[in-house]
Amino acid sequence: MSLYDLHNAKLNELEGEGFAYSQKTVYGKAYKGVFFGESEEEIEKLADEEDEATFEGILYDRSREREKSFSVEVTDVISTPSGERADFVATEKP
């Protein structure tokens, strides 16, 4: 897997940095991503909620880089020196 650059992004209304990328699976393409934000409380709340969040930012798909907005499910939240990191998977095809 190649390395991707962080870009300005939003997860719901939270401002931060992140990106999404496509990944081949046995079931077809899956879309995953990462988001870094400052508000630990708000990001944890997104992970605990049943509702989907909306990611707005750069999607890397093969050799293309596009600005997209799509629904995601936050799967994990990790504290890092760069802030809170939220891992997510797309719940719809971007």
C-alpha atoms as a PDB file:
ATOM      1  CA  MET A   1       0.000   0.000   0.000  1.00  0.00           C
ATOM      2  CA  SER A   2       1.335   3.415  -0.865  1.00  0.00           C
ATOM      3  CA  LEU A   3       1.527   6.318   1.530  1.00  0.00           C
ATOM      4  CA  TYR A   4      -1.010   9.126   1.378  1.00  0.00           C
ATOM      5  CA  ASP A   5      -0.836  12.780   2.445  1.00  0.00           C
ATOM      6  CA  LEU A   6      -3.059  14.333   5.097  1.00  0.00           C
ATOM      7  CA  HIS A   7      -5.378  17.057   3.792  1.00  0.00           C
ATOM      8  CA  ASN A   8      -7.882  19.389   5.434  1.00  0.00           C
ATOM      9  CA  ALA A   9     -11.022  17.370   6.112  1.00  0.00           C
ATOM     10  CA  LYS A  10     -14.248  17.290   8.113  1.00  0.00           C
ATOM     11  CA  LEU A  11     -15.901  14.501  10.055  1.00  0.00           C
ATOM     12  CA  ASN A  12     -19.448  15.723  10.549  1.00  0.00           C
ATOM     13  CA  GLU A  13     -18.770  19.321  11.622  1.00  0.00           C
ATOM     14  CA  LEU A  14     -15.346  18.644  13.179  1.00  0.00           C
ATOM     15  CA  GLU A  15     -12.419  20.304  11.400  1.00  0.00           C
ATOM     16  CA  GLY A  16      -9.179  18.364  11.101  1.00  0.00           C
ATOM     17  CA  GLU A  17      -6.969  16.482   8.677  1.00  0.00           C
ATOM     18  CA  GLY A  18      -7.420  13.140   7.006  1.00  0.00           C
ATOM     19  CA  PHE A  19      -8.006  11.131   3.872  1.00  0.00           C
ATOM     20  CA  ALA A  20      -9.891   8.132   2.527  1.00  0.00           C
ATOM     21  CA  TYR A  21      -8.626   5.411   0.210  1.00  0.00           C
ATOM     22  CA  SER A  22      -9.920   2.429  -1.736  1.00  0.00           C
ATOM     23  CA  GLN A  23      -8.778  -1.083  -1.009  1.00  0.00           C
ATOM     24  CA  LYS A  24      -9.434  -4.243  -3.021  1.00  0.00           C
ATOM     25  CA  THR A  25     -11.099  -7.071  -1.113  1.00  0.00           C
ATOM     26  CA  VAL A  26     -12.540 -10.440  -2.123  1.00  0.00           C
ATOM     27  CA  TYR A  27     -15.964  -8.738  -2.084  1.00  0.00           C
ATOM     28  CA  GLY A  28     -14.941  -5.829  -4.334  1.00  0.00           C
ATOM     29  CA  LYS A  29     -13.665  -2.402  -3.337  1.00  0.00           C
ATOM     30  CA  ALA A  30     -13.813  -1.191   0.251  1.00  0.00           C
ATOM     31  CA  TYR A  31     -13.329   2.457   1.203  1.00  0.00           C
ATOM     32  CA  LYS A  32     -11.494   3.205   4.439  1.00  0.00           C
ATOM     33  CA  GLY A  33      -9.869   6.248   5.929  1.00  0.00           C
ATOM     34  CA  VAL A  34      -8.393   8.135   8.824  1.00  0.00           C
ATOM     35  CA  PHE A  35      -9.221  11.487  10.432  1.00  0.00           C
ATOM     36  CA  PHE A  36      -7.154  13.467  12.968  1.00  0.00           C
ATOM     37  CA  GLY A  37      -8.919  16.027  15.141  1.00  0.00           C
ATOM     38  CA  GLU A  38      -8.353  17.927  18.370  1.00  0.00           C
ATOM     39  CA  SER A  39     -11.592  17.221  20.261  1.00  0.00           C
ATOM     40  CA  GLU A  40     -11.251  13.852  21.986  1.00  0.00           C
ATOM     41  CA  GLU A  41     -14.770  14.152  23.399  1.00  0.00           C
ATOM     42  CA  GLU A  42     -16.443  14.822  20.033  1.00  0.00           C
ATOM     43  CA  ILE A  43     -14.547  12.082  18.196  1.00  0.00           C
ATOM     44  CA  GLU A  44     -15.279   9.524  20.931  1.00  0.00           C
ATOM     45  CA  LYS A  45     -18.958  10.498  20.695  1.00  0.00           C
ATOM     46  CA  LEU A  46     -18.938   9.729  16.939  1.00  0.00           C
ATOM     47  CA  ALA A  47     -17.463   6.278  17.606  1.00  0.00           C
ATOM     48  CA  ASP A  48     -20.068   5.480  20.266  1.00  0.00           C
ATOM     49  CA  GLU A  49     -23.102   6.623  18.264  1.00  0.00           C
ATOM     50  CA  GLU A  50     -25.151   4.221  16.161  1.00  0.00           C
ATOM     51  CA  ASP A  51     -25.660   6.927  13.506  1.00  0.00           C
ATOM     52  CA  GLU A  52     -23.320   7.337  10.580  1.00  0.00           C
ATOM     53  CA  ALA A  53     -20.975  10.299  10.287  1.00  0.00           C
ATOM     54  CA  THR A  54     -20.156  12.240   7.122  1.00  0.00           C
ATOM     55  CA  PHE A  55     -16.565  12.498   5.910  1.00  0.00           C
ATOM     56  CA  GLU A  56     -15.657  15.404   3.620  1.00  0.00           C
ATOM     57  CA  GLY A  57     -12.164  15.350   2.179  1.00  0.00           C
ATOM     58  CA  ILE A  58      -9.746  13.722  -0.236  1.00  0.00           C
ATOM     59  CA  LEU A  59     -10.406  10.212  -1.543  1.00  0.00           C
ATOM     60  CA  TYR A  60      -7.478   8.344  -3.117  1.00  0.00           C
ATOM     61  CA  ASP A  61      -8.821   5.850  -5.653  1.00  0.00           C
ATOM     62  CA  ARG A  62      -6.160   4.112  -7.755  1.00  0.00           C
ATOM     63  CA  SER A  63      -4.011   6.943  -9.108  1.00  0.00           C
ATOM     64  CA  ARG A  64      -6.657   9.654  -8.676  1.00  0.00           C
ATOM     65  CA  GLU A  65      -7.161  12.131  -5.856  1.00  0.00           C
ATOM     66  CA  ARG A  66     -10.670  13.626  -5.572  1.00  0.00           C
ATOM     67  CA  GLU A  67     -12.620  15.771  -3.127  1.00  0.00           C
ATOM     68  CA  LYS A  68     -15.603  13.683  -1.908  1.00  0.00           C
ATOM     69  CA  SER A  69     -18.293  13.597   0.752  1.00  0.00           C
ATOM     70  CA  PHE A  70     -19.821  10.304   1.932  1.00  0.00           C
ATOM     71  CA  SER A  71     -21.260   8.447   4.943  1.00  0.00           C
ATOM     72  CA  VAL A  72     -18.874   6.526   7.169  1.00  0.00           C
ATOM     73  CA  GLU A  73     -18.870   4.459  10.336  1.00  0.00           C
ATOM     74  CA  VAL A  74     -16.133   5.261  12.867  1.00  0.00           C
ATOM     75  CA  THR A  75     -14.562   1.925  13.819  1.00  0.00           C
ATOM     76  CA  ASP A  76     -11.766   2.953  16.188  1.00  0.00           C
ATOM     77  CA  VAL A  77     -10.434   6.002  18.049  1.00  0.00           C
ATOM     78  CA  ILE A  78      -6.789   6.203  19.150  1.00  0.00           C
ATOM     79  CA  SER A  79      -4.955   8.972  21.025  1.00  0.00           C
ATOM     80  CA  THR A  80      -1.790  10.059  19.202  1.00  0.00           C
ATOM     81  CA  PRO A  81       0.683  12.940  19.590  1.00  0.00           C
ATOM     82  CA  SER A  82      -1.038  14.546  16.548  1.00  0.00           C
ATOM     83  CA  GLY A  83      -4.434  14.505  18.245  1.00  0.00           C
ATOM     84  CA  GLU A  84      -7.266  12.008  18.263  1.00  0.00           C
ATOM     85  CA  ARG A  85      -7.228   9.575  15.348  1.00  0.00           C
ATOM     86  CA  ALA A  86     -10.515   8.148  14.077  1.00  0.00           C
ATOM     87  CA  ASP A  87     -10.406   5.179  11.710  1.00  0.00           C
ATOM     88  CA  PHE A  88     -13.492   4.740   9.551  1.00  0.00           C
ATOM     89  CA  VAL A  89     -15.084   2.661   6.801  1.00  0.00           C
ATOM     90  CA  ALA A  90     -17.505   3.935   4.170  1.00  0.00           C
ATOM     91  CA  THR A  91     -21.099   2.773   4.504  1.00  0.00           C
ATOM     92  CA  GLU A  92     -21.886   3.793   0.926  1.00  0.00           C
ATOM     93  CA  LYS A  93     -19.878   3.889  -2.289  1.00  0.00           C
ATOM     94  CA  PRO A  94     -18.348   7.378  -2.673  1.00  0.00           C
END
